[in-house]
Amino acid sequence: MTAITHDLVRELAQFDTGGDPVLTCYLNVDGRARVRPVDYAHDLDRLIRRSSDATSRAADADVEAVRSHVLNGLDRSRVRGLAIFSCESAGLFRVVDLPVPVHNRLVVASGPALDQLESVAEQLVPIGILLVDRQRIRVLVFAGGELAEHTESVGELPRDYDERGHAARGDVSSHVDELAHQHLRLAAKIAFDAFQAHGVSRVTIGGANESVAEVEQHLHPYLRERLVDRLGVAVGASLDEIRNAMLDLEARSERATEAAAVARLREVVGAGKAVAGLPDTLAALGERRVDQLLVSEGFEETGWRCENCTLLAAVGPTCDACGATMTHLDDVVAEAVQVALGQSCDVEVCVENADLDVVGRVGALLRY
């Protein structure tokens, strides 16, 4: 599975099709909700029929390429969603397997529709996992949803610790405790080295409660400031159990990050440091003033693009900037995300955030 990173998103955003349209398809293939392959096959057929206006502007070969990939057998052991980008005339056919579900969507636009892929990339930032008890240490790093490192260590204290020689002196308990303390200090050091090397954005700890509580005290400040909720798995958990727990934790952490960004937008929008709503947000993008774009997941709206000066607008058909006739767009929001990525803006796709929805489902924190 390809690692889902911001670099991947930007690579797709920069793909030059020479003006030919790109068909983007997001499809939920999560086996927990769609048990049989025929279930997501029917979803795809409904999506294509419902999007007939969009597919009429795409090449037949692109529609068939998407259909063929979905229907010719998927290994869903670790895949819950698909993002497919196709423009045969430009040599583009890219399938990104996703470890999380997505909302079914089909878009035909001047470039790939990257909002949901960006949302997944935000969720799957590098995360470091430290699992400990009084004997074992496991250090794992997931980057883009893929396992990047897995280190295991067993401490000096065996489970059947031989107390002979210590019992006579009455120092068994203190000696055992000191070995355990050394073990947990070592765990903190191993984690620091691994997590710093991979540039993790979030850190979580799991395992035996007493060991977790103590190892947190030994963490380097670099790790403590990145610490998120504990991971509810045992040291001996399987990789699949750890991965699933990590994905759930990442989703919760990302929702908290989104909520903080929306709260900041609503706090400063009246002071001229942010804009809200589609018209003002598109205008700020055109002026290259956007620092962070916030958009509700699944938000679609028709709009306009000026082929002369490339500006986007909610109202057309005449460009306010240069007076040229504009091109109508089925989804100007998808185009706005692509423009923001091209301007190296941070894009935050917010999932089920009512506070953003009430101010127009899109907004931006401004550079100036």
Protein backbone atom coordinates (compact mmCIF):
# COMPACT_ATOMS: atom_id res chain seq x y z
CA MET A 1 0.00 0.00 0.00
CA THR A 2 1.27 3.46 -0.90
CA ALA A 3 2.01 5.67 2.11
CA ILE A 4 -0.59 8.46 2.26
CA THR A 5 1.42 11.66 2.71
CA HIS A 6 1.13 15.35 1.90
CA ASP A 7 3.91 14.85 -0.67
CA LEU A 8 1.66 12.39 -2.53
CA VAL A 9 -1.19 14.90 -2.50
CA ARG A 10 1.04 17.66 -3.84
CA GLU A 11 2.48 15.37 -6.51
CA LEU A 12 -1.03 14.73 -7.82
CA ALA A 13 -1.94 18.43 -7.54
CA GLN A 14 0.99 19.32 -9.78
CA PHE A 15 0.23 16.72 -12.48
CA ASP A 16 -0.13 18.51 -15.81
CA THR A 17 -2.84 17.06 -18.05
CA GLY A 18 -2.45 19.71 -20.74
CA GLY A 19 -5.98 20.91 -20.08
CA ASP A 20 -7.67 17.51 -20.42
CA PRO A 21 -10.20 16.66 -17.68
CA VAL A 22 -9.39 14.27 -14.84
CA LEU A 23 -11.91 11.79 -13.51
CA THR A 24 -11.64 11.32 -9.75
CA CYS A 25 -13.50 8.53 -7.98
CA TYR A 26 -13.62 7.95 -4.22
CA LEU A 27 -15.23 4.65 -3.25
CA ASN A 28 -15.93 3.15 0.16
CA VAL A 29 -14.98 -0.55 0.09
CA ASP A 30 -14.89 -1.07 3.86
CA GLY A 31 -15.62 -4.75 4.44
CA ARG A 32 -17.28 -4.01 7.77
CA ALA A 33 -20.15 -2.23 5.99
CA ARG A 34 -19.87 -3.75 2.49
CA VAL A 35 -19.34 -7.43 3.14
CA ARG A 36 -19.64 -8.69 -0.45
CA PRO A 37 -17.80 -7.31 -3.50
CA VAL A 38 -21.18 -6.90 -5.19
CA ASP A 39 -22.10 -4.33 -2.52
CA TYR A 40 -19.42 -1.81 -3.50
CA ALA A 41 -19.86 -2.74 -7.20
CA HIS A 42 -23.48 -1.59 -6.93
CA ASP A 43 -22.28 1.59 -5.17
CA LEU A 44 -20.00 2.33 -8.12
CA ASP A 45 -22.78 1.78 -10.67
CA ARG A 46 -25.09 4.11 -8.75
CA LEU A 47 -22.33 6.69 -8.48
CA ILE A 48 -21.67 6.65 -12.23
CA ARG A 49 -25.39 6.92 -13.05
CA ARG A 50 -25.93 9.73 -10.55
CA SER A 51 -22.92 11.60 -11.96
CA SER A 52 -23.91 11.26 -15.62
CA ASP A 53 -23.48 14.99 -16.26
CA ALA A 54 -19.90 14.78 -14.99
CA THR A 55 -19.00 11.52 -16.74
CA SER A 56 -20.29 12.91 -20.03
CA ARG A 57 -17.31 15.27 -20.00
CA ALA A 58 -14.82 12.50 -19.20
CA ALA A 59 -13.33 10.11 -21.72
CA ASP A 60 -15.12 6.78 -21.95
CA ALA A 61 -11.75 5.12 -21.38
CA ASP A 62 -11.41 6.81 -17.98
CA VAL A 63 -14.82 5.62 -16.80
CA GLU A 64 -14.07 2.09 -17.97
CA ALA A 65 -10.60 2.14 -16.36
CA VAL A 66 -12.16 2.96 -13.00
CA ARG A 67 -14.89 0.37 -13.43
CA SER A 68 -12.39 -2.31 -14.50
CA HIS A 69 -10.12 -1.74 -11.51
CA VAL A 70 -12.97 -1.94 -9.03
CA LEU A 71 -14.65 -4.99 -10.54
CA ASN A 72 -11.58 -7.11 -11.25
CA GLY A 73 -10.95 -8.13 -7.66
CA LEU A 74 -9.66 -6.09 -4.72
CA ASP A 75 -7.55 -7.29 -1.83
CA ARG A 76 -9.46 -5.66 1.02
CA SER A 77 -7.45 -7.16 3.87
CA ARG A 78 -6.08 -3.70 4.71
CA VAL A 79 -8.08 -1.46 2.37
CA ARG A 80 -11.24 0.41 3.38
CA GLY A 81 -11.37 3.06 0.67
CA LEU A 82 -10.16 3.83 -2.85
CA ALA A 83 -9.06 7.07 -4.47
CA ILE A 84 -8.73 6.70 -8.26
CA PHE A 85 -7.50 9.40 -10.63
CA SER A 86 -7.71 8.87 -14.39
CA CYS A 87 -6.86 10.92 -17.47
CA GLU A 88 -5.84 8.44 -20.16
CA SER A 89 -4.97 11.11 -22.71
CA ALA A 90 -2.31 12.50 -20.32
CA GLY A 91 -1.07 9.11 -19.16
CA LEU A 92 -2.57 9.38 -15.70
CA PHE A 93 -4.10 6.39 -13.93
CA ARG A 94 -3.36 6.33 -10.22
CA VAL A 95 -5.05 4.18 -7.60
CA VAL A 96 -4.43 5.00 -3.96
CA ASP A 97 -5.54 2.32 -1.51
CA LEU A 98 -6.74 3.89 1.72
CA PRO A 99 -6.77 2.30 5.19
CA VAL A 100 -9.83 4.35 6.17
CA PRO A 101 -13.33 4.65 4.64
CA VAL A 102 -14.24 7.54 2.32
CA HIS A 103 -17.46 9.09 1.07
CA ASN A 104 -18.49 7.85 -2.38
CA ARG A 105 -17.89 10.62 -4.89
CA LEU A 106 -17.16 11.04 -8.60
CA VAL A 107 -15.78 14.31 -9.97
CA VAL A 108 -14.60 15.42 -13.41
CA ALA A 109 -12.48 18.57 -13.26
CA SER A 110 -9.37 20.20 -14.69
CA GLY A 111 -7.25 18.33 -12.13
CA PRO A 112 -7.57 15.62 -9.49
CA ALA A 113 -10.11 16.28 -6.73
CA LEU A 114 -7.87 15.98 -3.69
CA ASP A 115 -9.99 17.08 -0.73
CA GLN A 116 -10.68 13.61 0.67
CA LEU A 117 -7.12 12.40 -0.01
CA GLU A 118 -5.79 15.46 1.80
CA SER A 119 -8.11 14.68 4.71
CA VAL A 120 -6.69 11.15 4.94
CA ALA A 121 -3.13 12.50 4.74
CA GLU A 122 -3.89 14.84 7.63
CA GLN A 123 -5.18 11.93 9.67
CA LEU A 124 -2.23 9.67 8.89
CA VAL A 125 0.65 11.93 9.93
CA PRO A 126 3.65 10.02 11.35
CA ILE A 127 2.76 8.56 14.74
CA GLY A 128 5.04 6.85 17.22
CA ILE A 129 3.73 4.03 19.41
CA LEU A 130 5.46 2.83 22.57
CA LEU A 131 4.14 -0.34 24.21
CA VAL A 132 5.63 -1.34 27.56
CA ASP A 133 5.30 -3.56 30.58
CA ARG A 134 7.92 -4.47 33.20
CA GLN A 135 9.67 -6.83 30.78
CA ARG A 136 8.95 -5.95 27.16
CA ILE A 137 9.40 -2.86 24.99
CA ARG A 138 7.86 -2.43 21.56
CA VAL A 139 8.45 0.72 19.50
CA LEU A 140 6.50 1.21 16.28
CA VAL A 141 6.28 4.09 13.81
CA PHE A 142 3.45 4.38 11.30
CA ALA A 143 3.88 6.92 8.50
CA GLY A 144 1.05 7.50 6.06
CA GLY A 145 -0.72 4.52 7.57
CA GLU A 146 2.18 2.18 6.78
CA LEU A 147 4.52 0.54 9.30
CA ALA A 148 7.88 2.31 9.01
CA GLU A 149 9.66 0.83 12.03
CA HIS A 150 9.11 -1.95 14.55
CA THR A 151 11.66 -2.53 17.31
CA GLU A 152 11.30 -4.98 20.20
CA SER A 153 13.37 -5.42 23.33
CA VAL A 154 13.13 -7.71 26.37
CA GLY A 155 14.42 -6.39 29.66
CA GLU A 156 16.82 -8.09 32.09
CA LEU A 157 14.03 -9.03 34.48
CA PRO A 158 12.65 -12.47 33.49
CA ARG A 159 9.16 -13.41 34.61
CA ASP A 160 10.54 -16.25 36.80
CA TYR A 161 13.16 -14.02 38.42
CA ASP A 162 15.61 -16.13 40.52
CA GLU A 163 15.47 -14.69 44.03
CA ARG A 164 18.29 -16.87 45.43
CA GLY A 165 21.12 -14.79 46.77
CA HIS A 166 18.91 -11.75 47.23
CA ALA A 167 16.40 -13.21 49.67
CA ALA A 168 19.05 -13.78 52.32
CA ARG A 169 19.93 -10.09 52.22
CA GLY A 170 16.30 -9.01 52.16
CA ASP A 171 16.87 -6.84 49.08
CA VAL A 172 14.85 -8.76 46.48
CA SER A 173 12.11 -6.16 46.11
CA SER A 174 14.43 -3.17 45.72
CA HIS A 175 16.63 -4.99 43.21
CA VAL A 176 13.66 -6.08 41.11
CA ASP A 177 12.23 -2.55 41.20
CA GLU A 178 15.53 -1.03 40.10
CA LEU A 179 15.74 -3.40 37.14
CA ALA A 180 12.18 -2.40 36.18
CA HIS A 181 13.02 1.31 36.47
CA GLN A 182 16.10 0.84 34.27
CA HIS A 183 13.96 -1.03 31.76
CA LEU A 184 11.43 1.81 31.51
CA ARG A 185 14.14 4.47 31.25
CA LEU A 186 15.59 2.45 28.38
CA ALA A 187 12.14 2.31 26.77
CA ALA A 188 11.91 6.11 26.84
CA LYS A 189 15.37 6.41 25.25
CA ILE A 190 14.66 3.88 22.49
CA ALA A 191 11.39 5.67 21.72
CA PHE A 192 13.08 9.09 21.61
CA ASP A 193 15.73 7.92 19.15
CA ALA A 194 13.22 6.21 16.85
CA PHE A 195 10.53 8.89 16.94
CA GLN A 196 12.94 11.77 16.40
CA ALA A 197 14.53 9.96 13.44
CA HIS A 198 11.12 9.59 11.78
CA GLY A 199 9.89 13.09 12.68
CA VAL A 200 6.72 11.84 14.34
CA SER A 201 3.93 14.36 14.89
CA ARG A 202 2.08 12.38 17.55
CA VAL A 203 3.13 9.93 20.26
CA THR A 204 0.98 7.41 22.07
CA ILE A 205 1.77 4.85 24.77
CA GLY A 206 0.05 1.58 25.61
CA GLY A 207 0.58 -1.56 27.68
CA ALA A 208 0.49 -2.22 31.41
CA ASN A 209 -1.01 0.78 33.25
CA GLU A 210 1.70 1.10 35.94
CA SER A 211 4.49 0.86 33.37
CA VAL A 212 2.79 3.38 31.10
CA ALA A 213 2.38 5.86 33.95
CA GLU A 214 6.07 5.59 34.89
CA VAL A 215 7.52 5.68 31.38
CA GLU A 216 5.58 8.91 30.69
CA GLN A 217 7.67 10.55 33.44
CA HIS A 218 10.89 9.53 31.66
CA LEU A 219 9.89 10.88 28.23
CA HIS A 220 12.04 13.55 26.61
CA PRO A 221 10.22 16.91 26.29
CA TYR A 222 10.26 16.41 22.48
CA LEU A 223 7.96 13.41 23.00
CA ARG A 224 5.89 14.81 25.85
CA GLU A 225 4.75 17.79 23.78
CA ARG A 226 3.55 15.37 21.07
CA LEU A 227 1.79 13.01 23.47
CA VAL A 228 -1.86 12.19 22.68
CA ASP A 229 -4.32 9.76 24.25
CA ARG A 230 -3.12 6.37 25.42
CA LEU A 231 -3.46 3.40 23.10
CA GLY A 232 -5.71 0.71 24.57
CA VAL A 233 -3.75 -2.37 23.53
CA ALA A 234 -1.49 -4.81 25.36
CA VAL A 235 2.24 -5.14 24.69
CA GLY A 236 1.65 -8.47 22.98
CA ALA A 237 -1.08 -7.21 20.62
CA SER A 238 -0.89 -8.25 16.97
CA LEU A 239 0.14 -5.74 14.30
CA ASP A 240 -3.42 -5.67 12.95
CA GLU A 241 -4.79 -4.90 16.43
CA ILE A 242 -2.22 -2.13 16.87
CA ARG A 243 -2.90 -0.71 13.41
CA ASN A 244 -6.66 -0.59 13.96
CA ALA A 245 -6.28 1.03 17.38
CA MET A 246 -3.84 3.54 15.87
CA LEU A 247 -6.27 4.46 13.07
CA ASP A 248 -9.07 5.07 15.58
CA LEU A 249 -6.77 7.20 17.72
CA GLU A 250 -5.56 9.19 14.69
CA ALA A 251 -9.14 9.92 13.69
CA ARG A 252 -9.96 11.28 17.15
CA SER A 253 -6.78 13.36 17.23
CA GLU A 254 -7.44 14.81 13.79
CA ARG A 255 -10.99 15.79 14.76
CA ALA A 256 -9.53 17.68 17.74
CA THR A 257 -7.02 19.46 15.46
CA GLU A 258 -9.80 20.44 13.06
CA ALA A 259 -11.96 21.76 15.89
CA ALA A 260 -9.11 23.94 17.15
CA ALA A 261 -8.54 25.39 13.66
CA VAL A 262 -12.23 26.18 13.19
CA ALA A 263 -12.41 27.77 16.63
CA ARG A 264 -9.45 29.99 15.68
CA LEU A 265 -11.13 30.98 12.41
CA ARG A 266 -14.37 31.97 14.14
CA GLU A 267 -12.40 33.90 16.76
CA VAL A 268 -10.51 36.12 14.28
CA VAL A 269 -12.83 36.35 11.28
CA GLY A 270 -14.25 39.63 12.53
CA ALA A 271 -10.77 41.11 12.95
CA GLY A 272 -9.82 40.70 9.30
CA LYS A 273 -7.46 37.83 9.98
CA ALA A 274 -9.78 35.24 8.44
CA VAL A 275 -12.61 34.94 5.94
CA ALA A 276 -15.62 32.61 5.89
CA GLY A 277 -18.00 31.53 3.17
CA LEU A 278 -17.29 30.61 -0.44
CA PRO A 279 -17.17 34.05 -2.18
CA ASP A 280 -14.75 35.64 0.31
CA THR A 281 -12.60 32.51 0.51
CA LEU A 282 -12.24 32.29 -3.28
CA ALA A 283 -11.36 35.99 -3.39
CA ALA A 284 -8.64 35.51 -0.76
CA LEU A 285 -7.22 32.59 -2.72
CA GLY A 286 -7.09 34.76 -5.83
CA GLU A 287 -5.15 37.40 -3.86
CA ARG A 288 -2.80 34.65 -2.53
CA ARG A 289 -3.53 35.68 1.06
CA VAL A 290 -4.59 32.26 2.36
CA ASP A 291 -2.41 30.58 4.97
CA GLN A 292 -4.78 27.75 5.93
CA LEU A 293 -7.87 26.67 4.00
CA LEU A 294 -10.65 25.03 6.02
CA VAL A 295 -13.35 23.13 4.14
CA SER A 296 -16.11 20.77 5.24
CA GLU A 297 -15.67 17.25 3.93
CA GLY A 298 -18.09 16.54 1.10
CA PHE A 299 -18.81 20.23 0.41
CA GLU A 300 -19.52 20.77 -3.29
CA GLU A 301 -20.75 23.91 -5.02
CA THR A 302 -20.93 25.13 -8.59
CA GLY A 303 -18.81 28.10 -9.55
CA TRP A 304 -16.68 29.72 -12.19
CA ARG A 305 -13.06 29.90 -13.35
CA CYS A 306 -11.51 32.60 -15.52
CA GLU A 307 -9.29 30.99 -18.15
CA ASN A 308 -7.59 34.34 -18.71
CA CYS A 309 -6.43 35.17 -15.18
CA THR A 310 -7.20 31.77 -13.53
CA LEU A 311 -9.29 33.30 -10.73
CA LEU A 312 -12.11 31.30 -9.17
CA ALA A 313 -15.46 32.83 -8.29
CA ALA A 314 -18.80 31.82 -6.86
CA VAL A 315 -20.68 34.04 -9.34
CA GLY A 316 -20.16 34.40 -13.09
CA PRO A 317 -20.05 34.46 -16.02
CA THR A 318 -17.97 37.63 -16.23
CA CYS A 319 -14.66 37.89 -14.38
CA ASP A 320 -14.60 40.86 -12.00
CA ALA A 321 -10.83 41.16 -12.36
CA CYS A 322 -10.32 41.17 -16.14
CA GLY A 323 -13.80 41.17 -17.70
CA ALA A 324 -13.29 37.88 -19.55
CA THR A 325 -16.04 35.29 -19.90
CA MET A 326 -15.59 32.56 -17.28
CA THR A 327 -15.94 28.77 -17.53
CA HIS A 328 -18.68 27.13 -15.47
CA LEU A 329 -17.50 24.52 -12.93
CA ASP A 330 -19.57 21.74 -11.41
CA ASP A 331 -17.45 21.85 -8.25
CA VAL A 332 -15.50 25.01 -7.58
CA VAL A 333 -14.63 23.75 -4.07
CA ALA A 334 -12.51 20.92 -5.48
CA GLU A 335 -10.77 23.46 -7.72
CA ALA A 336 -10.16 25.71 -4.72
CA VAL A 337 -8.47 22.89 -2.80
CA GLN A 338 -6.18 22.26 -5.77
CA VAL A 339 -5.32 25.97 -6.04
CA ALA A 340 -4.58 26.14 -2.31
CA LEU A 341 -2.24 23.14 -2.52
CA GLY A 342 -0.50 24.77 -5.48
CA GLN A 343 0.06 27.87 -3.34
CA SER A 344 1.58 25.71 -0.55
CA CYS A 345 -1.33 26.51 1.76
CA ASP A 346 -2.20 24.20 4.63
CA VAL A 347 -5.52 22.53 3.80
CA GLU A 348 -7.69 21.22 6.64
CA VAL A 349 -10.64 19.10 5.51
CA CYS A 350 -13.00 19.07 8.48
CA VAL A 351 -15.21 16.05 9.14
CA GLU A 352 -18.67 16.69 10.60
CA ASN A 353 -17.71 20.04 12.13
CA ALA A 354 -20.95 21.93 12.75
CA ASP A 355 -19.11 25.15 13.67
CA LEU A 356 -17.60 25.37 10.18
CA ASP A 357 -20.87 24.38 8.53
CA VAL A 358 -22.73 27.32 10.06
CA VAL A 359 -20.27 29.88 8.61
CA GLY A 360 -20.57 28.58 5.06
CA ARG A 361 -18.69 25.25 5.13
CA VAL A 362 -15.47 26.88 3.96
CA GLY A 363 -13.13 29.56 5.25
CA ALA A 364 -9.51 30.56 5.52
CA LEU A 365 -7.00 31.90 8.00
CA LEU A 366 -5.04 34.64 6.26
CA ARG A 367 -1.35 35.43 5.93
CA TYR A 368 -2.09 39.17 5.97
